[in-house]
Amino acid sequence: MNTGSDESKAAAAVDDVAEQVKAEKPFGSRAPEFIKARRTLHLSWQVGVFIVGLAVVVAGIIMLPLPGPGWVVIFGGMAIWATEFVWAQLVLRWTKRKVTEAAQRALDPRVRRRNIILTVIGLVIVAALVGIYLWKFGIEMPWKINDQ
């Protein structure tokens, strides 16, 4: 692998992130124009969007300790809020940028090699601990199949 080509790939990835940021939609409400034209209707629209987004975010928070895609649902709720609120748009853009940067760093050959080495070492340690446990205590099933 050539170090120069790795650097050019990293520079291209940074350029891609910069293009994505420039291509993003402007901040502000994405409500239909006839709703934005009437203040009361627009305020009602915002309250509705906030309540729906809040319900989705709360469902995601509940899913964190329980089975389910908690973080995905939380970010889905943030996306719902981002259709109407600038603060949510800022949070969502920041999150997208950080996730993209982390993905680009993870594709770096040195980082990938380090991660693979650490994973293999971790698996060897776990396998050794399981082997020691089985050697010391053996396998005993909690049910009695042979006793009838």
N, C-alpha and C. Protein backbone atom coordinates (compact mmCIF):
# COMPACT_ATOMS: atom_id res chain seq x y z
N MET A 1 0.84 -1.18 0.00
CA MET A 1 0.00 0.00 0.00
C MET A 1 0.88 1.24 0.00
N ASN A 2 0.50 2.19 -0.75
CA ASN A 2 1.24 3.43 -0.87
C ASN A 2 0.67 4.46 0.08
N THR A 3 1.54 5.11 0.84
CA THR A 3 1.08 6.10 1.80
C THR A 3 0.44 7.29 1.10
N GLY A 4 0.98 7.66 -0.05
CA GLY A 4 0.41 8.77 -0.82
C GLY A 4 -1.00 8.48 -1.28
N SER A 5 -1.26 7.24 -1.69
CA SER A 5 -2.61 6.91 -2.13
C SER A 5 -3.58 6.90 -0.96
N ASP A 6 -3.10 6.47 0.23
CA ASP A 6 -3.95 6.50 1.42
C ASP A 6 -4.32 7.94 1.78
N GLU A 7 -3.33 8.84 1.68
CA GLU A 7 -3.59 10.24 1.99
C GLU A 7 -4.55 10.85 0.98
N SER A 8 -4.43 10.48 -0.30
CA SER A 8 -5.33 11.03 -1.30
C SER A 8 -6.75 10.50 -1.10
N LYS A 9 -6.87 9.24 -0.66
CA LYS A 9 -8.20 8.70 -0.36
C LYS A 9 -8.82 9.44 0.82
N ALA A 10 -8.02 9.73 1.84
CA ALA A 10 -8.53 10.46 3.00
C ALA A 10 -8.94 11.87 2.61
N ALA A 11 -8.15 12.52 1.75
CA ALA A 11 -8.49 13.86 1.30
C ALA A 11 -9.78 13.84 0.48
N ALA A 12 -9.94 12.81 -0.35
CA ALA A 12 -11.17 12.69 -1.14
C ALA A 12 -12.37 12.47 -0.24
N ALA A 13 -12.20 11.70 0.84
CA ALA A 13 -13.30 11.46 1.79
C ALA A 13 -13.69 12.76 2.48
N VAL A 14 -12.71 13.58 2.85
CA VAL A 14 -13.00 14.86 3.49
C VAL A 14 -13.74 15.77 2.52
N ASP A 15 -13.34 15.76 1.24
CA ASP A 15 -14.02 16.55 0.22
C ASP A 15 -15.47 16.09 0.06
N ASP A 16 -15.69 14.77 0.10
CA ASP A 16 -17.05 14.24 0.00
C ASP A 16 -17.92 14.73 1.15
N VAL A 17 -17.36 14.73 2.37
CA VAL A 17 -18.11 15.21 3.53
C VAL A 17 -18.45 16.69 3.36
N ALA A 18 -17.49 17.48 2.86
CA ALA A 18 -17.73 18.91 2.65
C ALA A 18 -18.82 19.13 1.61
N GLU A 19 -18.84 18.32 0.55
CA GLU A 19 -19.88 18.44 -0.47
C GLU A 19 -21.25 18.08 0.10
N GLN A 20 -21.30 17.07 0.97
CA GLN A 20 -22.57 16.68 1.57
C GLN A 20 -23.11 17.81 2.44
N VAL A 21 -22.24 18.48 3.19
CA VAL A 21 -22.68 19.57 4.05
C VAL A 21 -23.23 20.72 3.19
N LYS A 22 -22.57 21.02 2.07
CA LYS A 22 -23.03 22.10 1.20
C LYS A 22 -24.36 21.74 0.53
N ALA A 23 -24.57 20.46 0.24
CA ALA A 23 -25.77 20.03 -0.47
C ALA A 23 -26.98 19.90 0.43
N GLU A 24 -26.81 20.02 1.74
CA GLU A 24 -27.93 19.85 2.66
C GLU A 24 -28.94 20.99 2.51
N LYS A 25 -30.17 20.68 2.85
CA LYS A 25 -31.25 21.66 2.74
C LYS A 25 -31.05 22.79 3.74
N PRO A 26 -31.59 23.96 3.45
CA PRO A 26 -31.46 25.08 4.39
C PRO A 26 -32.25 24.82 5.66
N PHE A 27 -31.88 25.55 6.71
CA PHE A 27 -32.57 25.41 7.99
C PHE A 27 -33.98 25.98 7.89
N GLY A 28 -34.84 25.49 8.78
CA GLY A 28 -36.18 26.05 8.87
C GLY A 28 -37.25 25.00 8.70
N SER A 29 -38.49 25.47 8.80
CA SER A 29 -39.64 24.60 8.73
C SER A 29 -39.83 24.04 7.32
N ARG A 30 -40.23 22.78 7.27
CA ARG A 30 -40.53 22.16 5.98
C ARG A 30 -42.03 21.91 5.84
N ALA A 31 -42.80 22.64 6.61
CA ALA A 31 -44.25 22.51 6.54
C ALA A 31 -44.73 23.07 5.19
N PRO A 32 -45.86 22.58 4.69
CA PRO A 32 -46.40 23.13 3.44
C PRO A 32 -46.67 24.64 3.57
N GLU A 33 -46.63 25.34 2.45
CA GLU A 33 -46.76 26.80 2.45
C GLU A 33 -48.11 27.25 3.02
N PHE A 34 -49.20 26.54 2.73
CA PHE A 34 -50.50 26.98 3.23
C PHE A 34 -50.56 26.88 4.75
N ILE A 35 -49.75 26.00 5.35
CA ILE A 35 -49.70 25.91 6.81
C ILE A 35 -48.84 27.04 7.37
N LYS A 36 -47.71 27.32 6.72
CA LYS A 36 -46.85 28.40 7.18
C LYS A 36 -47.53 29.76 7.09
N ALA A 37 -48.47 29.91 6.16
CA ALA A 37 -49.13 31.20 5.94
C ALA A 37 -50.04 31.58 7.09
N ARG A 38 -50.53 30.63 7.85
CA ARG A 38 -51.43 30.91 8.97
C ARG A 38 -50.72 30.58 10.28
N ARG A 39 -50.55 31.59 11.11
CA ARG A 39 -49.77 31.43 12.34
C ARG A 39 -50.35 30.36 13.26
N THR A 40 -51.65 30.37 13.47
CA THR A 40 -52.27 29.40 14.37
C THR A 40 -52.11 27.99 13.84
N LEU A 41 -52.32 27.83 12.55
CA LEU A 41 -52.18 26.51 11.94
C LEU A 41 -50.72 26.03 12.00
N HIS A 42 -49.79 26.96 11.79
CA HIS A 42 -48.37 26.59 11.84
C HIS A 42 -47.96 26.21 13.27
N LEU A 43 -48.45 26.93 14.25
CA LEU A 43 -48.16 26.60 15.64
C LEU A 43 -48.74 25.23 16.00
N SER A 44 -49.95 24.95 15.54
CA SER A 44 -50.56 23.63 15.76
C SER A 44 -49.74 22.55 15.08
N TRP A 45 -49.26 22.84 13.88
CA TRP A 45 -48.42 21.89 13.14
C TRP A 45 -47.15 21.59 13.94
N GLN A 46 -46.52 22.64 14.48
CA GLN A 46 -45.30 22.45 15.25
C GLN A 46 -45.55 21.64 16.51
N VAL A 47 -46.65 21.90 17.18
CA VAL A 47 -46.99 21.14 18.39
C VAL A 47 -47.19 19.66 18.02
N GLY A 48 -47.90 19.41 16.91
CA GLY A 48 -48.11 18.03 16.46
C GLY A 48 -46.81 17.32 16.12
N VAL A 49 -45.93 18.00 15.40
CA VAL A 49 -44.63 17.42 15.05
C VAL A 49 -43.82 17.15 16.31
N PHE A 50 -43.87 18.08 17.27
CA PHE A 50 -43.12 17.88 18.51
C PHE A 50 -43.64 16.68 19.28
N ILE A 51 -44.96 16.53 19.36
CA ILE A 51 -45.55 15.41 20.10
C ILE A 51 -45.22 14.08 19.44
N VAL A 52 -45.34 14.02 18.11
CA VAL A 52 -45.01 12.77 17.40
C VAL A 52 -43.53 12.44 17.57
N GLY A 53 -42.65 13.45 17.40
CA GLY A 53 -41.22 13.22 17.60
C GLY A 53 -40.89 12.80 19.01
N LEU A 54 -41.57 13.41 19.99
CA LEU A 54 -41.34 13.05 21.38
C LEU A 54 -41.76 11.61 21.65
N ALA A 55 -42.89 11.20 21.09
CA ALA A 55 -43.35 9.81 21.27
C ALA A 55 -42.34 8.83 20.69
N VAL A 56 -41.78 9.16 19.52
CA VAL A 56 -40.80 8.26 18.90
C VAL A 56 -39.51 8.23 19.72
N VAL A 57 -39.05 9.38 20.19
CA VAL A 57 -37.83 9.42 20.99
C VAL A 57 -38.02 8.66 22.31
N VAL A 58 -39.16 8.83 22.96
CA VAL A 58 -39.43 8.11 24.21
C VAL A 58 -39.47 6.60 23.94
N ALA A 59 -40.10 6.21 22.83
CA ALA A 59 -40.11 4.77 22.47
C ALA A 59 -38.68 4.26 22.28
N GLY A 60 -37.81 5.06 21.66
CA GLY A 60 -36.42 4.67 21.49
C GLY A 60 -35.68 4.56 22.79
N ILE A 61 -35.96 5.49 23.71
CA ILE A 61 -35.31 5.44 25.02
C ILE A 61 -35.76 4.19 25.78
N ILE A 62 -37.03 3.84 25.65
CA ILE A 62 -37.52 2.62 26.29
C ILE A 62 -36.85 1.40 25.68
N MET A 63 -36.57 1.45 24.38
CA MET A 63 -35.95 0.30 23.71
C MET A 63 -34.47 0.14 24.03
N LEU A 64 -33.84 1.14 24.62
CA LEU A 64 -32.41 1.01 24.91
C LEU A 64 -32.12 -0.19 25.81
N PRO A 65 -32.78 -0.33 26.97
CA PRO A 65 -32.50 -1.52 27.78
C PRO A 65 -33.28 -2.75 27.33
N LEU A 66 -34.32 -2.55 26.56
CA LEU A 66 -35.15 -3.67 26.09
C LEU A 66 -34.74 -4.06 24.68
N PRO A 67 -35.22 -5.20 24.20
CA PRO A 67 -34.91 -5.58 22.82
C PRO A 67 -35.53 -4.59 21.83
N GLY A 68 -34.76 -4.22 20.87
CA GLY A 68 -35.24 -3.30 19.86
C GLY A 68 -34.16 -2.33 19.44
N PRO A 69 -34.35 -1.69 18.32
CA PRO A 69 -33.34 -0.76 17.79
C PRO A 69 -33.45 0.62 18.43
N GLY A 70 -33.08 0.74 19.69
CA GLY A 70 -33.27 1.97 20.44
C GLY A 70 -32.66 3.20 19.80
N TRP A 71 -31.37 3.15 19.45
CA TRP A 71 -30.71 4.33 18.89
C TRP A 71 -31.28 4.70 17.53
N VAL A 72 -31.63 3.71 16.73
CA VAL A 72 -32.20 3.99 15.42
C VAL A 72 -33.53 4.73 15.58
N VAL A 73 -34.33 4.30 16.53
CA VAL A 73 -35.63 4.94 16.77
C VAL A 73 -35.43 6.34 17.33
N ILE A 74 -34.46 6.53 18.21
CA ILE A 74 -34.19 7.87 18.75
C ILE A 74 -33.79 8.82 17.62
N PHE A 75 -32.91 8.37 16.75
CA PHE A 75 -32.52 9.23 15.63
C PHE A 75 -33.66 9.44 14.64
N GLY A 76 -34.57 8.47 14.56
CA GLY A 76 -35.78 8.66 13.76
C GLY A 76 -36.65 9.78 14.34
N GLY A 77 -36.79 9.80 15.66
CA GLY A 77 -37.53 10.88 16.31
C GLY A 77 -36.86 12.22 16.11
N MET A 78 -35.52 12.23 16.15
CA MET A 78 -34.79 13.48 15.88
C MET A 78 -35.03 13.94 14.45
N ALA A 79 -35.11 12.99 13.51
CA ALA A 79 -35.38 13.34 12.12
C ALA A 79 -36.78 13.93 11.97
N ILE A 80 -37.73 13.41 12.73
CA ILE A 80 -39.08 13.98 12.70
C ILE A 80 -39.04 15.41 13.22
N TRP A 81 -38.33 15.64 14.33
CA TRP A 81 -38.21 17.00 14.86
C TRP A 81 -37.48 17.90 13.88
N ALA A 82 -36.51 17.35 13.15
CA ALA A 82 -35.71 18.16 12.23
C ALA A 82 -36.52 18.66 11.05
N THR A 83 -37.70 18.08 10.81
CA THR A 83 -38.54 18.61 9.73
C THR A 83 -39.12 19.96 10.09
N GLU A 84 -39.06 20.32 11.37
CA GLU A 84 -39.72 21.55 11.81
C GLU A 84 -38.84 22.47 12.65
N PHE A 85 -37.87 21.93 13.39
CA PHE A 85 -37.12 22.73 14.35
C PHE A 85 -35.65 22.83 13.96
N VAL A 86 -35.12 24.05 14.01
CA VAL A 86 -33.74 24.30 13.61
C VAL A 86 -32.77 23.60 14.56
N TRP A 87 -33.05 23.61 15.86
CA TRP A 87 -32.13 22.98 16.82
C TRP A 87 -31.97 21.49 16.52
N ALA A 88 -33.06 20.83 16.10
CA ALA A 88 -32.97 19.41 15.77
C ALA A 88 -32.21 19.21 14.46
N GLN A 89 -32.36 20.14 13.53
CA GLN A 89 -31.60 20.06 12.29
C GLN A 89 -30.11 20.19 12.56
N LEU A 90 -29.74 21.09 13.46
CA LEU A 90 -28.33 21.24 13.81
C LEU A 90 -27.78 19.98 14.47
N VAL A 91 -28.54 19.41 15.40
CA VAL A 91 -28.10 18.18 16.07
C VAL A 91 -27.97 17.04 15.07
N LEU A 92 -28.94 16.92 14.17
CA LEU A 92 -28.91 15.84 13.19
C LEU A 92 -27.75 16.00 12.21
N ARG A 93 -27.49 17.22 11.77
CA ARG A 93 -26.35 17.45 10.86
C ARG A 93 -25.03 17.15 11.56
N TRP A 94 -24.91 17.56 12.83
CA TRP A 94 -23.69 17.28 13.59
C TRP A 94 -23.49 15.78 13.73
N THR A 95 -24.58 15.06 14.04
CA THR A 95 -24.51 13.61 14.20
C THR A 95 -24.12 12.94 12.89
N LYS A 96 -24.74 13.35 11.80
CA LYS A 96 -24.39 12.78 10.49
C LYS A 96 -22.92 13.01 10.16
N ARG A 97 -22.44 14.22 10.44
CA ARG A 97 -21.05 14.54 10.15
C ARG A 97 -20.10 13.68 10.98
N LYS A 98 -20.40 13.52 12.28
CA LYS A 98 -19.55 12.71 13.15
C LYS A 98 -19.57 11.24 12.75
N VAL A 99 -20.73 10.72 12.38
CA VAL A 99 -20.83 9.33 11.95
C VAL A 99 -20.05 9.11 10.65
N THR A 100 -20.16 10.06 9.73
CA THR A 100 -19.42 9.95 8.46
C THR A 100 -17.92 10.00 8.71
N GLU A 101 -17.48 10.91 9.58
CA GLU A 101 -16.06 10.99 9.90
C GLU A 101 -15.56 9.71 10.57
N ALA A 102 -16.36 9.15 11.47
CA ALA A 102 -15.97 7.90 12.14
C ALA A 102 -15.89 6.76 11.15
N ALA A 103 -16.82 6.72 10.21
CA ALA A 103 -16.79 5.66 9.19
C ALA A 103 -15.55 5.81 8.31
N GLN A 104 -15.18 7.04 7.97
CA GLN A 104 -13.98 7.25 7.16
C GLN A 104 -12.73 6.86 7.93
N ARG A 105 -12.68 7.19 9.23
CA ARG A 105 -11.52 6.79 10.04
C ARG A 105 -11.44 5.27 10.15
N ALA A 106 -12.59 4.62 10.25
CA ALA A 106 -12.60 3.16 10.37
C ALA A 106 -12.10 2.49 9.10
N LEU A 107 -12.21 3.16 7.96
CA LEU A 107 -11.74 2.59 6.70
C LEU A 107 -10.24 2.77 6.50
N ASP A 108 -9.59 3.55 7.36
CA ASP A 108 -8.15 3.73 7.27
C ASP A 108 -7.48 2.38 7.50
N PRO A 109 -6.57 1.95 6.62
CA PRO A 109 -5.97 0.62 6.75
C PRO A 109 -5.29 0.37 8.09
N ARG A 110 -4.62 1.39 8.63
CA ARG A 110 -3.95 1.20 9.93
C ARG A 110 -4.97 0.98 11.05
N VAL A 111 -6.05 1.73 11.01
CA VAL A 111 -7.08 1.59 12.04
C VAL A 111 -7.77 0.24 11.90
N ARG A 112 -8.05 -0.17 10.67
CA ARG A 112 -8.68 -1.48 10.45
C ARG A 112 -7.78 -2.60 10.96
N ARG A 113 -6.49 -2.50 10.67
CA ARG A 113 -5.55 -3.52 11.12
C ARG A 113 -5.51 -3.58 12.64
N ARG A 114 -5.47 -2.40 13.29
CA ARG A 114 -5.48 -2.35 14.74
C ARG A 114 -6.76 -2.96 15.31
N ASN A 115 -7.90 -2.63 14.71
CA ASN A 115 -9.18 -3.16 15.19
C ASN A 115 -9.25 -4.68 15.03
N ILE A 116 -8.73 -5.18 13.92
CA ILE A 116 -8.73 -6.64 13.70
C ILE A 116 -7.84 -7.32 14.72
N ILE A 117 -6.67 -6.75 14.97
CA ILE A 117 -5.75 -7.33 15.96
C ILE A 117 -6.38 -7.34 17.35
N LEU A 118 -7.01 -6.22 17.75
CA LEU A 118 -7.65 -6.16 19.06
C LEU A 118 -8.81 -7.14 19.16
N THR A 119 -9.56 -7.32 18.08
CA THR A 119 -10.67 -8.27 18.08
C THR A 119 -10.16 -9.70 18.23
N VAL A 120 -9.10 -10.03 17.51
CA VAL A 120 -8.53 -11.38 17.61
C VAL A 120 -8.00 -11.63 19.01
N ILE A 121 -7.31 -10.66 19.58
CA ILE A 121 -6.79 -10.82 20.95
C ILE A 121 -7.95 -11.01 21.93
N GLY A 122 -9.01 -10.21 21.78
CA GLY A 122 -10.18 -10.36 22.64
C GLY A 122 -10.82 -11.73 22.50
N LEU A 123 -10.95 -12.22 21.27
CA LEU A 123 -11.55 -13.54 21.06
C LEU A 123 -10.68 -14.65 21.65
N VAL A 124 -9.36 -14.52 21.56
CA VAL A 124 -8.46 -15.51 22.15
C VAL A 124 -8.62 -15.52 23.67
N ILE A 125 -8.71 -14.34 24.26
CA ILE A 125 -8.89 -14.26 25.72
C ILE A 125 -10.21 -14.89 26.13
N VAL A 126 -11.29 -14.59 25.42
CA VAL A 126 -12.59 -15.16 25.74
C VAL A 126 -12.56 -16.68 25.57
N ALA A 127 -11.96 -17.16 24.48
CA ALA A 127 -11.87 -18.61 24.25
C ALA A 127 -11.07 -19.28 25.36
N ALA A 128 -9.99 -18.64 25.80
CA ALA A 128 -9.19 -19.21 26.90
C ALA A 128 -10.00 -19.27 28.19
N LEU A 129 -10.74 -18.22 28.49
CA LEU A 129 -11.56 -18.20 29.70
C LEU A 129 -12.67 -19.25 29.64
N VAL A 130 -13.31 -19.40 28.49
CA VAL A 130 -14.34 -20.43 28.34
C VAL A 130 -13.72 -21.81 28.48
N GLY A 131 -12.54 -22.01 27.87
CA GLY A 131 -11.86 -23.30 27.99
C GLY A 131 -11.51 -23.63 29.43
N ILE A 132 -11.00 -22.65 30.18
CA ILE A 132 -10.66 -22.87 31.59
C ILE A 132 -11.92 -23.20 32.39
N TYR A 133 -13.00 -22.47 32.13
CA TYR A 133 -14.25 -22.73 32.84
C TYR A 133 -14.75 -24.15 32.56
N LEU A 134 -14.75 -24.54 31.29
CA LEU A 134 -15.23 -25.89 30.93
C LEU A 134 -14.31 -26.97 31.50
N TRP A 135 -13.01 -26.74 31.53
CA TRP A 135 -12.07 -27.71 32.07
C TRP A 135 -12.30 -27.86 33.58
N LYS A 136 -12.58 -26.74 34.24
CA LYS A 136 -12.75 -26.77 35.69
C LYS A 136 -14.12 -27.31 36.11
N PHE A 137 -15.19 -26.87 35.43
CA PHE A 137 -16.54 -27.21 35.87
C PHE A 137 -17.27 -28.15 34.92
N GLY A 138 -16.88 -28.22 33.68
CA GLY A 138 -17.56 -29.06 32.71
C GLY A 138 -18.89 -28.46 32.28
N ILE A 139 -19.60 -29.23 31.45
CA ILE A 139 -20.91 -28.78 30.98
C ILE A 139 -21.97 -29.61 31.69
N GLU A 140 -22.86 -28.91 32.35
CA GLU A 140 -23.96 -29.60 32.99
C GLU A 140 -25.24 -28.88 32.59
N MET A 141 -26.10 -29.59 31.90
CA MET A 141 -27.35 -29.01 31.44
C MET A 141 -28.33 -28.87 32.61
N PRO A 142 -29.13 -27.83 32.61
CA PRO A 142 -30.06 -27.63 33.71
C PRO A 142 -31.25 -28.58 33.67
N TRP A 143 -31.48 -29.26 32.58
CA TRP A 143 -32.59 -30.19 32.49
C TRP A 143 -32.06 -31.63 32.53
N LYS A 144 -32.88 -32.52 32.95
CA LYS A 144 -32.49 -33.93 33.08
C LYS A 144 -33.17 -34.73 31.95
N ILE A 145 -32.48 -34.92 30.87
CA ILE A 145 -33.06 -35.64 29.73
C ILE A 145 -33.03 -37.14 29.98
N ASN A 146 -31.95 -37.67 30.57
CA ASN A 146 -31.79 -39.11 30.76
C ASN A 146 -32.61 -39.65 31.93
N ASP A 147 -33.00 -38.83 32.87
CA ASP A 147 -33.78 -39.29 34.03
C ASP A 147 -35.27 -39.36 33.68
N GLN A 148 -35.76 -40.59 33.49
CA GLN A 148 -37.19 -40.74 33.20
C GLN A 148 -37.77 -41.87 34.00
